C-alpha cells in the first residue's frame, strides 16, 4: 500500500477520454496514482458495457442510476447516493444505464483477491 501526500483534485481540470460501450459512450476523467486509480465516469443514456469485468471497484453513484449485471444473472441497481464494492476476480459484472449516470469509481491494488 502506498502513502499519498495531501492533495486536491479539480475534476474540471482533467480532460475526459471517450470509451465506447456495446451501446452508448462513457467519458472518464482519471487520476492515476501508484496502486490507485480514481475516476469520475459518465455513461450516456442507453450505455451498455462492451465486456464483462473481473476487476474490483468501489463505485459510488453521484447522479442518475446504474444497473450492474452479474454474469450469473443477478442485477443490482444503484441510485444517487448508493455504493457497491467488489474485489478482483470475485464476480464478473457489467454496467448499463437507461437514462445516463455519473459515478465516482475507485480501484487499485487494495482490491486484489485474497484467494490463492
PDB file of N, CA and C in Angstrom:
ATOM      1  N   UNK A   1       0.852  -1.184   0.000  1.00  0.00           N
ATOM      2  CA  UNK A   1       0.000   0.000   0.000  1.00  0.00           C
ATOM      3  C   UNK A   1       0.886   1.232   0.000  1.00  0.00           C
ATOM      4  N   UNK A   2       0.550   2.180  -0.825  1.00  0.00           N
ATOM      5  CA  UNK A   2       1.315   3.415  -0.929  1.00  0.00           C
ATOM      6  C   UNK A   2       0.769   4.457   0.032  1.00  0.00           C
ATOM      7  N   UNK A   3       1.622   5.414   0.355  1.00  0.00           N
ATOM      8  CA  UNK A   3       1.196   6.574   1.119  1.00  0.00           C
ATOM      9  C   UNK A   3       1.052   7.737   0.154  1.00  0.00           C
ATOM     10  N   UNK A   4       0.023   8.552   0.375  1.00  0.00           N
ATOM     11  CA  UNK A   4      -0.256   9.665  -0.516  1.00  0.00           C
ATOM     12  C   UNK A   4      -0.260  10.955   0.291  1.00  0.00           C
ATOM     13  N   UNK A   5       0.541  11.913  -0.148  1.00  0.00           N
ATOM     14  CA  UNK A   5       0.535  13.229   0.486  1.00  0.00           C
ATOM     15  C   UNK A   5      -0.807  13.891   0.215  1.00  0.00           C
ATOM     16  N   UNK A   6      -1.197  14.812   1.077  1.00  0.00           N
ATOM     17  CA  UNK A   6      -2.460  15.535   0.899  1.00  0.00           C
ATOM     18  C   UNK A   6      -2.470  16.211  -0.465  1.00  0.00           C
ATOM     19  N   UNK A   7      -3.574  16.063  -1.152  1.00  0.00           N
ATOM     20  CA  UNK A   7      -3.740  16.715  -2.441  1.00  0.00           C
ATOM     21  C   UNK A   7      -5.222  16.885  -2.731  1.00  0.00           C
ATOM     22  N   UNK A   8      -5.539  17.849  -3.556  1.00  0.00           N
ATOM     23  CA  UNK A   8      -6.910  18.039  -4.000  1.00  0.00           C
ATOM     24  C   UNK A   8      -6.978  17.722  -5.482  1.00  0.00           C
ATOM     25  N   UNK A   9      -8.164  17.391  -5.926  1.00  0.00           N
ATOM     26  CA  UNK A   9      -8.388  17.084  -7.338  1.00  0.00           C
ATOM     27  C   UNK A   9      -9.503  17.987  -7.831  1.00  0.00           C
ATOM     28  N   UNK A  10      -9.216  18.794  -8.843  1.00  0.00           N
ATOM     29  CA  UNK A  10     -10.253  19.575  -9.514  1.00  0.00           C
ATOM     30  C   UNK A  10     -10.609  18.814 -10.780  1.00  0.00           C
ATOM     31  N   UNK A  11     -11.694  18.071 -10.715  1.00  0.00           N
ATOM     32  CA  UNK A  11     -12.074  17.196 -11.824  1.00  0.00           C
ATOM     33  C   UNK A  11     -12.315  17.978 -13.110  1.00  0.00           C
ATOM     34  N   UNK A  12     -12.701  19.251 -12.993  1.00  0.00           N
ATOM     35  CA  UNK A  12     -12.942  20.074 -14.183  1.00  0.00           C
ATOM     36  C   UNK A  12     -11.662  20.320 -14.973  1.00  0.00           C
ATOM     37  N   UNK A  13     -10.504  20.189 -14.320  1.00  0.00           N
ATOM     38  CA  UNK A  13      -9.220  20.392 -14.989  1.00  0.00           C
ATOM     39  C   UNK A  13      -8.714  19.144 -15.714  1.00  0.00           C
ATOM     40  N   UNK A  14      -9.396  18.035 -15.555  1.00  0.00           N
ATOM     41  CA  UNK A  14      -8.952  16.770 -16.152  1.00  0.00           C
ATOM     42  C   UNK A  14      -9.777  16.502 -17.412  1.00  0.00           C
ATOM     43  N   UNK A  15      -9.094  16.434 -18.535  1.00  0.00           N
ATOM     44  CA  UNK A  15      -9.780  16.200 -19.814  1.00  0.00           C
ATOM     45  C   UNK A  15     -10.379  14.795 -19.841  1.00  0.00           C
ATOM     46  N   UNK A  16     -11.624  14.671 -20.297  1.00  0.00           N
ATOM     47  CA  UNK A  16     -12.231  13.339 -20.379  1.00  0.00           C
ATOM     48  C   UNK A  16     -11.691  12.546 -21.566  1.00  0.00           C
ATOM     49  N   UNK A  17     -11.668  11.237 -21.405  1.00  0.00           N
ATOM     50  CA  UNK A  17     -11.366  10.328 -22.509  1.00  0.00           C
ATOM     51  C   UNK A  17     -12.627   9.537 -22.818  1.00  0.00           C
ATOM     52  N   UNK A  18     -12.857   9.271 -24.097  1.00  0.00           N
ATOM     53  CA  UNK A  18     -14.053   8.563 -24.538  1.00  0.00           C
ATOM     54  C   UNK A  18     -13.799   7.071 -24.632  1.00  0.00           C
ATOM     55  N   UNK A  19     -14.790   6.305 -24.167  1.00  0.00           N
ATOM     56  CA  UNK A  19     -14.722   4.846 -24.208  1.00  0.00           C
ATOM     57  C   UNK A  19     -16.076   4.332 -24.684  1.00  0.00           C
ATOM     58  N   UNK A  20     -16.148   3.835 -25.927  1.00  0.00           N
ATOM     59  CA  UNK A  20     -17.436   3.348 -26.431  1.00  0.00           C
ATOM     60  C   UNK A  20     -17.843   2.062 -25.727  1.00  0.00           C
ATOM     61  N   UNK A  21     -19.134   1.920 -25.494  1.00  0.00           N
ATOM     62  CA  UNK A  21     -19.688   0.679 -24.982  1.00  0.00           C
ATOM     63  C   UNK A  21     -20.223  -0.156 -26.124  1.00  0.00           C
ATOM     64  N   UNK A  22     -20.855  -1.264 -25.776  1.00  0.00           N
ATOM     65  CA  UNK A  22     -21.568  -2.019 -26.805  1.00  0.00           C
ATOM     66  C   UNK A  22     -22.631  -1.109 -27.410  1.00  0.00           C
ATOM     67  N   UNK A  23     -23.285  -0.341 -26.540  1.00  0.00           N
ATOM     68  CA  UNK A  23     -24.140   0.763 -26.959  1.00  0.00           C
ATOM     69  C   UNK A  23     -23.782   1.954 -26.075  1.00  0.00           C
ATOM     70  N   UNK A  24     -23.906   3.144 -26.599  1.00  0.00           N
ATOM     71  CA  UNK A  24     -23.619   4.344 -25.821  1.00  0.00           C
ATOM     72  C   UNK A  24     -22.126   4.601 -25.668  1.00  0.00           C
ATOM     73  N   UNK A  25     -21.832   5.568 -24.805  1.00  0.00           N
ATOM     74  CA  UNK A  25     -20.470   6.061 -24.636  1.00  0.00           C
ATOM     75  C   UNK A  25     -20.217   6.357 -23.166  1.00  0.00           C
ATOM     76  N   UNK A  26     -18.978   6.136 -22.726  1.00  0.00           N
ATOM     77  CA  UNK A  26     -18.585   6.569 -21.391  1.00  0.00           C
ATOM     78  C   UNK A  26     -17.459   7.594 -21.511  1.00  0.00           C
ATOM     79  N   UNK A  27     -17.485   8.566 -20.619  1.00  0.00           N
ATOM     80  CA  UNK A  27     -16.439   9.579 -20.515  1.00  0.00           C
ATOM     81  C   UNK A  27     -15.757   9.401 -19.172  1.00  0.00           C
ATOM     82  N   UNK A  28     -14.417   9.284 -19.193  1.00  0.00           N
ATOM     83  CA  UNK A  28     -13.639   9.081 -17.970  1.00  0.00           C
ATOM     84  C   UNK A  28     -12.747  10.280 -17.722  1.00  0.00           C
ATOM     85  N   UNK A  29     -12.747  10.774 -16.502  1.00  0.00           N
ATOM     86  CA  UNK A  29     -11.746  11.725 -16.008  1.00  0.00           C
ATOM     87  C   UNK A  29     -10.959  10.937 -14.973  1.00  0.00           C
ATOM     88  N   UNK A  30      -9.675  10.707 -15.244  1.00  0.00           N
ATOM     89  CA  UNK A  30      -8.895   9.738 -14.476  1.00  0.00           C
ATOM     90  C   UNK A  30      -7.704  10.376 -13.791  1.00  0.00           C
ATOM     91  N   UNK A  31      -7.506  10.010 -12.530  1.00  0.00           N
ATOM     92  CA  UNK A  31      -6.292  10.333 -11.786  1.00  0.00           C
ATOM     93  C   UNK A  31      -5.652   9.001 -11.430  1.00  0.00           C
ATOM     94  N   UNK A  32      -4.413   8.794 -11.888  1.00  0.00           N
ATOM     95  CA  UNK A  32      -3.697   7.555 -11.624  1.00  0.00           C
ATOM     96  C   UNK A  32      -2.570   7.841 -10.629  1.00  0.00           C
ATOM     97  N   UNK A  33      -2.615   7.151  -9.498  1.00  0.00           N
ATOM     98  CA  UNK A  33      -1.560   7.217  -8.501  1.00  0.00           C
ATOM     99  C   UNK A  33      -0.964   5.822  -8.381  1.00  0.00           C
ATOM    100  N   UNK A  34       0.134   5.691  -7.679  1.00  0.00           N
ATOM    101  CA  UNK A  34       0.742   4.373  -7.527  1.00  0.00           C
ATOM    102  C   UNK A  34      -0.225   3.425  -6.821  1.00  0.00           C
ATOM    103  N   UNK A  35      -0.663   2.388  -7.545  1.00  0.00           N
ATOM    104  CA  UNK A  35      -1.544   1.380  -6.973  1.00  0.00           C
ATOM    105  C   UNK A  35      -2.979   1.823  -6.753  1.00  0.00           C
ATOM    106  N   UNK A  36      -3.360   2.993  -7.281  1.00  0.00           N
ATOM    107  CA  UNK A  36      -4.701   3.529  -7.035  1.00  0.00           C
ATOM    108  C   UNK A  36      -5.154   4.342  -8.248  1.00  0.00           C
ATOM    109  N   UNK A  37      -6.384   4.088  -8.692  1.00  0.00           N
ATOM    110  CA  UNK A  37      -6.960   4.860  -9.788  1.00  0.00           C
ATOM    111  C   UNK A  37      -8.292   5.432  -9.309  1.00  0.00           C
ATOM    112  N   UNK A  38      -8.452   6.733  -9.539  1.00  0.00           N
ATOM    113  CA  UNK A  38      -9.683   7.439  -9.198  1.00  0.00           C
ATOM    114  C   UNK A  38     -10.287   7.957 -10.493  1.00  0.00           C
ATOM    115  N   UNK A  39     -11.605   7.782 -10.662  1.00  0.00           N
ATOM    116  CA  UNK A  39     -12.243   8.239 -11.899  1.00  0.00           C
ATOM    117  C   UNK A  39     -13.618   8.825 -11.622  1.00  0.00           C
ATOM    118  N   UNK A  40     -13.939   9.883 -12.335  1.00  0.00           N
ATOM    119  CA  UNK A  40     -15.318  10.307 -12.496  1.00  0.00           C
ATOM    120  C   UNK A  40     -15.717   9.780 -13.867  1.00  0.00           C
ATOM    121  N   UNK A  41     -16.744   8.953 -13.900  1.00  0.00           N
ATOM    122  CA  UNK A  41     -17.168   8.303 -15.138  1.00  0.00           C
ATOM    123  C   UNK A  41     -18.625   8.660 -15.399  1.00  0.00           C
ATOM    124  N   UNK A  42     -18.901   9.069 -16.624  1.00  0.00           N
ATOM    125  CA  UNK A  42     -20.269   9.367 -17.037  1.00  0.00           C
ATOM    126  C   UNK A  42     -20.653   8.416 -18.161  1.00  0.00           C
ATOM    127  N   UNK A  43     -21.795   7.748 -18.004  1.00  0.00           N
ATOM    128  CA  UNK A  43     -22.347   6.894 -19.046  1.00  0.00           C
ATOM    129  C   UNK A  43     -23.499   7.632 -19.711  1.00  0.00           C
ATOM    130  N   UNK A  44     -23.531   7.612 -21.027  1.00  0.00           N
ATOM    131  CA  UNK A  44     -24.622   8.230 -21.769  1.00  0.00           C
ATOM    132  C   UNK A  44     -25.898   7.405 -21.576  1.00  0.00           C
ATOM    133  N   UNK A  45     -27.061   8.009 -21.839  1.00  0.00           N
ATOM    134  CA  UNK A  45     -28.290   7.213 -21.841  1.00  0.00           C
ATOM    135  C   UNK A  45     -28.154   6.048 -22.813  1.00  0.00           C
ATOM    136  N   UNK A  46     -28.612   4.881 -22.398  1.00  0.00           N
ATOM    137  CA  UNK A  46     -28.529   3.695 -23.244  1.00  0.00           C
ATOM    138  C   UNK A  46     -27.185   2.994 -23.225  1.00  0.00           C
ATOM    139  N   UNK A  47     -26.275   3.401 -22.333  1.00  0.00           N
ATOM    140  CA  UNK A  47     -24.942   2.795 -22.285  1.00  0.00           C
ATOM    141  C   UNK A  47     -25.027   1.340 -21.809  1.00  0.00           C
ATOM    142  N   UNK A  48     -24.303   0.464 -22.486  1.00  0.00           N
ATOM    143  CA  UNK A  48     -24.091  -0.928 -22.075  1.00  0.00           C
ATOM    144  C   UNK A  48     -22.618  -1.234 -22.272  1.00  0.00           C
ATOM    145  N   UNK A  49     -21.958  -1.702 -21.216  1.00  0.00           N
ATOM    146  CA  UNK A  49     -20.530  -2.033 -21.296  1.00  0.00           C
ATOM    147  C   UNK A  49     -20.298  -3.081 -22.373  1.00  0.00           C
ATOM    148  N   UNK A  50     -19.139  -3.001 -23.015  1.00  0.00           N
ATOM    149  CA  UNK A  50     -18.811  -3.925 -24.109  1.00  0.00           C
ATOM    150  C   UNK A  50     -18.057  -5.158 -23.630  1.00  0.00           C
ATOM    151  N   UNK A  51     -17.980  -5.368 -22.296  1.00  0.00           N
ATOM    152  CA  UNK A  51     -17.244  -6.514 -21.767  1.00  0.00           C
ATOM    153  C   UNK A  51     -17.752  -6.861 -20.366  1.00  0.00           C
ATOM    154  N   UNK A  52     -17.451  -8.074 -19.945  1.00  0.00           N
ATOM    155  CA  UNK A  52     -17.675  -8.499 -18.565  1.00  0.00           C
ATOM    156  C   UNK A  52     -16.389  -8.210 -17.799  1.00  0.00           C
ATOM    157  N   UNK A  53     -16.495  -7.516 -16.717  1.00  0.00           N
ATOM    158  CA  UNK A  53     -15.318  -7.075 -15.959  1.00  0.00           C
ATOM    159  C   UNK A  53     -15.071  -7.975 -14.751  1.00  0.00           C
ATOM    160  N   UNK A  54     -13.813  -8.337 -14.531  1.00  0.00           N
ATOM    161  CA  UNK A  54     -13.406  -9.154 -13.382  1.00  0.00           C
ATOM    162  C   UNK A  54     -12.700  -8.329 -12.308  1.00  0.00           C
ATOM    163  N   UNK A  55     -12.448  -7.045 -12.593  1.00  0.00           N
ATOM    164  CA  UNK A  55     -11.678  -6.198 -11.677  1.00  0.00           C
ATOM    165  C   UNK A  55     -12.533  -5.728 -10.508  1.00  0.00           C
ATOM    166  N   UNK A  56     -11.854  -5.426  -9.416  1.00  0.00           N
ATOM    167  CA  UNK A  56     -12.521  -4.888  -8.247  1.00  0.00           C
ATOM    168  C   UNK A  56     -12.708  -3.389  -8.360  1.00  0.00           C
ATOM    169  N   UNK A  57     -13.773  -2.891  -7.753  1.00  0.00           N
ATOM    170  CA  UNK A  57     -14.085  -1.470  -7.774  1.00  0.00           C
ATOM    171  C   UNK A  57     -14.834  -1.079  -6.511  1.00  0.00           C
ATOM    172  N   UNK A  58     -14.752   0.185  -6.183  1.00  0.00           N
ATOM    173  CA  UNK A  58     -15.717   0.848  -5.325  1.00  0.00           C
ATOM    174  C   UNK A  58     -16.412   1.835  -6.244  1.00  0.00           C
ATOM    175  N   UNK A  59     -17.717   1.703  -6.384  1.00  0.00           N
ATOM    176  CA  UNK A  59     -18.481   2.535  -7.309  1.00  0.00           C
ATOM    177  C   UNK A  59     -19.540   3.291  -6.511  1.00  0.00           C
ATOM    178  N   UNK A  60     -19.491   4.618  -6.600  1.00  0.00           N
ATOM    179  CA  UNK A  60     -20.461   5.465  -5.906  1.00  0.00           C
ATOM    180  C   UNK A  60     -21.231   6.279  -6.942  1.00  0.00           C
ATOM    181  N   UNK A  61     -22.544   6.227  -6.879  1.00  0.00           N
ATOM    182  CA  UNK A  61     -23.408   6.917  -7.833  1.00  0.00           C
ATOM    183  C   UNK A  61     -23.615   8.364  -7.393  1.00  0.00           C
ATOM    184  N   UNK A  62     -23.132   9.288  -8.208  1.00  0.00           N
ATOM    185  CA  UNK A  62     -23.249  10.720  -7.926  1.00  0.00           C
ATOM    186  C   UNK A  62     -24.544  11.311  -8.482  1.00  0.00           C
ATOM    187  N   UNK A  63     -24.955  10.846  -9.656  1.00  0.00           N
ATOM    188  CA  UNK A  63     -26.163  11.341 -10.325  1.00  0.00           C
ATOM    189  C   UNK A  63     -26.730  10.213 -11.174  1.00  0.00           C
ATOM    190  N   UNK A  64     -28.038  10.165 -11.322  1.00  0.00           N
ATOM    191  CA  UNK A  64     -28.662   9.194 -12.207  1.00  0.00           C
ATOM    192  C   UNK A  64     -28.784   7.825 -11.572  1.00  0.00           C
ATOM    193  N   UNK A  65     -28.776   6.792 -12.415  1.00  0.00           N
ATOM    194  CA  UNK A  65     -28.937   5.417 -11.945  1.00  0.00           C
ATOM    195  C   UNK A  65     -28.131   4.471 -12.828  1.00  0.00           C
ATOM    196  N   UNK A  66     -27.630   3.412 -12.206  1.00  0.00           N
ATOM    197  CA  UNK A  66     -26.791   2.410 -12.864  1.00  0.00           C
ATOM    198  C   UNK A  66     -27.322   1.031 -12.521  1.00  0.00           C
ATOM    199  N   UNK A  67     -27.317   0.155 -13.499  1.00  0.00           N
ATOM    200  CA  UNK A  67     -27.619  -1.255 -13.262  1.00  0.00           C
ATOM    201  C   UNK A  67     -26.333  -2.039 -13.449  1.00  0.00           C
ATOM    202  N   UNK A  68     -26.012  -2.864 -12.468  1.00  0.00           N
ATOM    203  CA  UNK A  68     -24.852  -3.759 -12.569  1.00  0.00           C
ATOM    204  C   UNK A  68     -25.374  -5.181 -12.663  1.00  0.00           C
ATOM    205  N   UNK A  69     -25.034  -5.809 -13.765  1.00  0.00           N
ATOM    206  CA  UNK A  69     -25.480  -7.160 -14.035  1.00  0.00           C
ATOM    207  C   UNK A  69     -24.328  -8.122 -13.754  1.00  0.00           C
ATOM    208  N   UNK A  70     -24.597  -9.159 -12.973  1.00  0.00           N
ATOM    209  CA  UNK A  70     -23.601 -10.203 -12.747  1.00  0.00           C
ATOM    210  C   UNK A  70     -23.790 -11.273 -13.816  1.00  0.00           C
ATOM    211  N   UNK A  71     -22.696 -11.930 -14.180  1.00  0.00           N
ATOM    212  CA  UNK A  71     -22.756 -12.915 -15.258  1.00  0.00           C
ATOM    213  C   UNK A  71     -23.701 -14.059 -14.906  1.00  0.00           C
ATOM    214  N   UNK A  72     -23.915 -14.295 -13.614  1.00  0.00           N
ATOM    215  CA  UNK A  72     -24.837 -15.340 -13.178  1.00  0.00           C
ATOM    216  C   UNK A  72     -26.304 -14.962 -13.319  1.00  0.00           C
ATOM    217  N   UNK A  73     -26.598 -13.708 -13.694  1.00  0.00           N
ATOM    218  CA  UNK A  73     -27.972 -13.313 -13.947  1.00  0.00           C
ATOM    219  C   UNK A  73     -28.556 -12.301 -12.975  1.00  0.00           C
ATOM    220  N   UNK A  74     -27.959 -12.109 -11.813  1.00  0.00           N
ATOM    221  CA  UNK A  74     -28.468 -11.115 -10.872  1.00  0.00           C
ATOM    222  C   UNK A  74     -28.206  -9.708 -11.385  1.00  0.00           C
ATOM    223  N   UNK A  75     -29.117  -8.788 -11.069  1.00  0.00           N
ATOM    224  CA  UNK A  75     -28.948  -7.389 -11.411  1.00  0.00           C
ATOM    225  C   UNK A  75     -29.150  -6.540 -10.163  1.00  0.00           C
ATOM    226  N   UNK A  76     -28.268  -5.562  -9.977  1.00  0.00           N
ATOM    227  CA  UNK A  76     -28.336  -4.657  -8.842  1.00  0.00           C
ATOM    228  C   UNK A  76     -28.425  -3.236  -9.372  1.00  0.00           C
ATOM    229  N   UNK A  77     -29.289  -2.429  -8.775  1.00  0.00           N
ATOM    230  CA  UNK A  77     -29.481  -1.050  -9.213  1.00  0.00           C
ATOM    231  C   UNK A  77     -28.858  -0.114  -8.187  1.00  0.00           C
ATOM    232  N   UNK A  78     -28.049   0.821  -8.689  1.00  0.00           N
ATOM    233  CA  UNK A  78     -27.503   1.894  -7.861  1.00  0.00           C
ATOM    234  C   UNK A  78     -28.207   3.180  -8.239  1.00  0.00           C
ATOM    235  N   UNK A  79     -28.774   3.842  -7.267  1.00  0.00           N
ATOM    236  CA  UNK A  79     -29.339   5.166  -7.444  1.00  0.00           C
ATOM    237  C   UNK A  79     -28.419   6.178  -6.785  1.00  0.00           C
ATOM    238  N   UNK A  80     -28.651   7.438  -7.040  1.00  0.00           N
ATOM    239  CA  UNK A  80     -27.851   8.512  -6.457  1.00  0.00           C
ATOM    240  C   UNK A  80     -27.667   8.288  -4.955  1.00  0.00           C
ATOM    241  N   UNK A  81     -26.401   8.365  -4.528  1.00  0.00           N
ATOM    242  CA  UNK A  81     -26.070   8.195  -3.112  1.00  0.00           C
ATOM    243  C   UNK A  81     -25.750   6.771  -2.699  1.00  0.00           C
ATOM    244  N   UNK A  82     -25.902   5.806  -3.598  1.00  0.00           N
ATOM    245  CA  UNK A  82     -25.609   4.395  -3.285  1.00  0.00           C
ATOM    246  C   UNK A  82     -24.222   4.018  -3.794  1.00  0.00           C
ATOM    247  N   UNK A  83     -23.654   2.971  -3.172  1.00  0.00           N
ATOM    248  CA  UNK A  83     -22.296   2.498  -3.481  1.00  0.00           C
ATOM    249  C   UNK A  83     -22.296   0.976  -3.563  1.00  0.00           C
ATOM    250  N   UNK A  84     -21.441   0.431  -4.438  1.00  0.00           N
ATOM    251  CA  UNK A  84     -21.150  -1.004  -4.352  1.00  0.00           C
ATOM    252  C   UNK A  84     -19.649  -1.211  -4.287  1.00  0.00           C
ATOM    253  N   UNK A  85     -19.268  -2.364  -3.724  1.00  0.00           N
ATOM    254  CA  UNK A  85     -17.868  -2.758  -3.567  1.00  0.00           C
ATOM    255  C   UNK A  85     -17.735  -4.197  -4.032  1.00  0.00           C
ATOM    256  N   UNK A  86     -16.675  -4.474  -4.813  1.00  0.00           N
ATOM    257  CA  UNK A  86     -16.357  -5.847  -5.205  1.00  0.00           C
ATOM    258  C   UNK A  86     -14.847  -5.962  -5.367  1.00  0.00           C
ATOM    259  N   UNK A  87     -14.290  -7.086  -4.958  1.00  0.00           N
ATOM    260  CA  UNK A  87     -12.853  -7.339  -5.116  1.00  0.00           C
ATOM    261  C   UNK A  87     -12.561  -8.007  -6.452  1.00  0.00           C
ATOM    262  N   UNK A  88     -11.294  -7.952  -6.867  1.00  0.00           N
ATOM    263  CA  UNK A  88     -10.855  -8.591  -8.104  1.00  0.00           C
ATOM    264  C   UNK A  88     -11.265 -10.062  -8.119  1.00  0.00           C
ATOM    265  N   UNK A  89     -11.706 -10.527  -9.277  1.00  0.00           N
ATOM    266  CA  UNK A  89     -11.949 -11.941  -9.562  1.00  0.00           C
ATOM    267  C   UNK A  89     -13.062 -12.581  -8.739  1.00  0.00           C
ATOM    268  N   UNK A  90     -13.903 -11.791  -8.071  1.00  0.00           N
ATOM    269  CA  UNK A  90     -14.956 -12.393  -7.250  1.00  0.00           C
ATOM    270  C   UNK A  90     -16.321 -12.402  -7.912  1.00  0.00           C
ATOM    271  N   UNK A  91     -16.541 -11.586  -8.907  1.00  0.00           N
ATOM    272  CA  UNK A  91     -17.793 -11.644  -9.657  1.00  0.00           C
ATOM    273  C   UNK A  91     -17.634 -10.898 -10.974  1.00  0.00           C
ATOM    274  N   UNK A  92     -17.987 -11.565 -12.031  1.00  0.00           N
ATOM    275  CA  UNK A  92     -17.932 -10.971 -13.353  1.00  0.00           C
ATOM    276  C   UNK A  92     -19.173 -10.092 -13.505  1.00  0.00           C
ATOM    277  N   UNK A  93     -18.955  -8.820 -13.846  1.00  0.00           N
ATOM    278  CA  UNK A  93     -20.048  -7.858 -13.875  1.00  0.00           C
ATOM    279  C   UNK A  93     -19.926  -6.932 -15.074  1.00  0.00           C
ATOM    280  N   UNK A  94     -21.047  -6.338 -15.447  1.00  0.00           N
ATOM    281  CA  UNK A  94     -21.039  -5.284 -16.458  1.00  0.00           C
ATOM    282  C   UNK A  94     -22.145  -4.290 -16.115  1.00  0.00           C
ATOM    283  N   UNK A  95     -21.979  -3.087 -16.635  1.00  0.00           N
ATOM    284  CA  UNK A  95     -22.865  -1.989 -16.275  1.00  0.00           C
ATOM    285  C   UNK A  95     -23.712  -1.549 -17.453  1.00  0.00           C
ATOM    286  N   UNK A  96     -24.902  -1.062 -17.143  1.00  0.00           N
ATOM    287  CA  UNK A  96     -25.717  -0.393 -18.137  1.00  0.00           C
ATOM    288  C   UNK A  96     -26.570   0.672 -17.453  1.00  0.00           C
ATOM    289  N   UNK A  97     -26.956   1.662 -18.233  1.00  0.00           N
ATOM    290  CA  UNK A  97     -27.778   2.748 -17.712  1.00  0.00           C
ATOM    291  C   UNK A  97     -28.776   3.167 -18.784  1.00  0.00           C
ATOM    292  N   UNK A  98     -30.039   3.135 -18.427  1.00  0.00           N
ATOM    293  CA  UNK A  98     -31.072   3.553 -19.378  1.00  0.00           C
ATOM    294  C   UNK A  98     -31.046   5.063 -19.577  1.00  0.00           C
ATOM    295  N   UNK A  99     -30.842   5.816 -18.500  1.00  0.00           N
ATOM    296  CA  UNK A  99     -31.025   7.272 -18.537  1.00  0.00           C
ATOM    297  C   UNK A  99     -29.732   8.065 -18.432  1.00  0.00           C
ATOM    298  N   UNK A 100     -28.605   7.380 -18.242  1.00  0.00           N
ATOM    299  CA  UNK A 100     -27.327   8.048 -18.015  1.00  0.00           C
ATOM    300  C   UNK A 100     -27.010   8.107 -16.534  1.00  0.00           C
ATOM    301  N   UNK A 101     -25.727   8.215 -16.223  1.00  0.00           N
ATOM    302  CA  UNK A 101     -25.294   8.183 -14.826  1.00  0.00           C
ATOM    303  C   UNK A 101     -23.923   8.830 -14.703  1.00  0.00           C
ATOM    304  N   UNK A 102     -23.640   9.376 -13.527  1.00  0.00           N
ATOM    305  CA  UNK A 102     -22.317   9.917 -13.202  1.00  0.00           C
ATOM    306  C   UNK A 102     -21.839   9.205 -11.944  1.00  0.00           C
ATOM    307  N   UNK A 103     -20.625   8.641 -12.016  1.00  0.00           N
ATOM    308  CA  UNK A 103     -20.094   7.792 -10.955  1.00  0.00           C
ATOM    309  C   UNK A 103     -18.725   8.260 -10.494  1.00  0.00           C
ATOM    310  N   UNK A 104     -18.410   7.994  -9.239  1.00  0.00           N
ATOM    311  CA  UNK A 104     -17.046   8.036  -8.732  1.00  0.00           C
ATOM    312  C   UNK A 104     -16.617   6.591  -8.607  1.00  0.00           C
ATOM    313  N   UNK A 105     -15.542   6.213  -9.305  1.00  0.00           N
ATOM    314  CA  UNK A 105     -15.058   4.835  -9.280  1.00  0.00           C
ATOM    315  C   UNK A 105     -13.627   4.836  -8.759  1.00  0.00           C
ATOM    316  N   UNK A 106     -13.389   4.001  -7.749  1.00  0.00           N
ATOM    317  CA  UNK A 106     -12.067   3.864  -7.148  1.00  0.00           C
ATOM    318  C   UNK A 106     -11.660   2.407  -7.287  1.00  0.00           C
ATOM    319  N   UNK A 107     -10.467   2.181  -7.817  1.00  0.00           N
ATOM    320  CA  UNK A 107      -9.944   0.826  -7.881  1.00  0.00           C
ATOM    321  C   UNK A 107      -8.444   0.854  -7.702  1.00  0.00           C
ATOM    322  N   UNK A 108      -7.901  -0.292  -7.396  1.00  0.00           N
ATOM    323  CA  UNK A 108      -6.467  -0.351  -7.184  1.00  0.00           C
ATOM    324  C   UNK A 108      -6.031  -1.652  -6.538  1.00  0.00           C
ATOM    325  N   UNK A 109      -4.766  -1.695  -6.202  1.00  0.00           N
ATOM    326  CA  UNK A 109      -4.150  -2.905  -5.659  1.00  0.00           C
ATOM    327  C   UNK A 109      -4.845  -3.418  -4.403  1.00  0.00           C
ATOM    328  N   UNK A 110      -5.413  -2.522  -3.595  1.00  0.00           N
ATOM    329  CA  UNK A 110      -6.037  -2.916  -2.326  1.00  0.00           C
ATOM    330  C   UNK A 110      -7.276  -3.771  -2.530  1.00  0.00           C
ATOM    331  N   UNK A 111      -7.809  -3.843  -3.741  1.00  0.00           N
ATOM    332  CA  UNK A 111      -8.971  -4.659  -4.031  1.00  0.00           C
ATOM    333  C   UNK A 111      -8.610  -6.012  -4.627  1.00  0.00           C
ATOM    334  N   UNK A 112      -7.322  -6.343  -4.623  1.00  0.00           N
ATOM    335  CA  UNK A 112      -6.886  -7.632  -5.151  1.00  0.00           C
ATOM    336  C   UNK A 112      -7.508  -8.771  -4.382  1.00  0.00           C
ATOM    337  N   UNK A 113      -7.802  -9.825  -5.092  1.00  0.00           N
ATOM    338  CA  UNK A 113      -8.408 -11.001  -4.487  1.00  0.00           C
ATOM    339  C   UNK A 113      -7.431 -11.628  -3.469  1.00  0.00           C
ATOM    340  N   UNK A 114      -7.981 -12.111  -2.375  1.00  0.00           N
ATOM    341  CA  UNK A 114      -7.160 -12.778  -1.349  1.00  0.00           C
ATOM    342  C   UNK A 114      -7.131 -14.284  -1.550  1.00  0.00           C
ATOM    343  N   UNK A 115      -7.763 -14.753  -2.633  1.00  0.00           N
ATOM    344  CA  UNK A 115      -7.750 -16.188  -2.910  1.00  0.00           C
ATOM    345  C   UNK A 115      -6.384 -16.595  -3.463  1.00  0.00           C
ATOM    346  N   UNK A 116      -6.014 -17.843  -3.224  1.00  0.00           N
ATOM    347  CA  UNK A 116      -4.798 -18.368  -3.841  1.00  0.00           C
ATOM    348  C   UNK A 116      -3.714 -18.353  -2.921  1.00  0.00           C
TER     349      UNK A 116
END
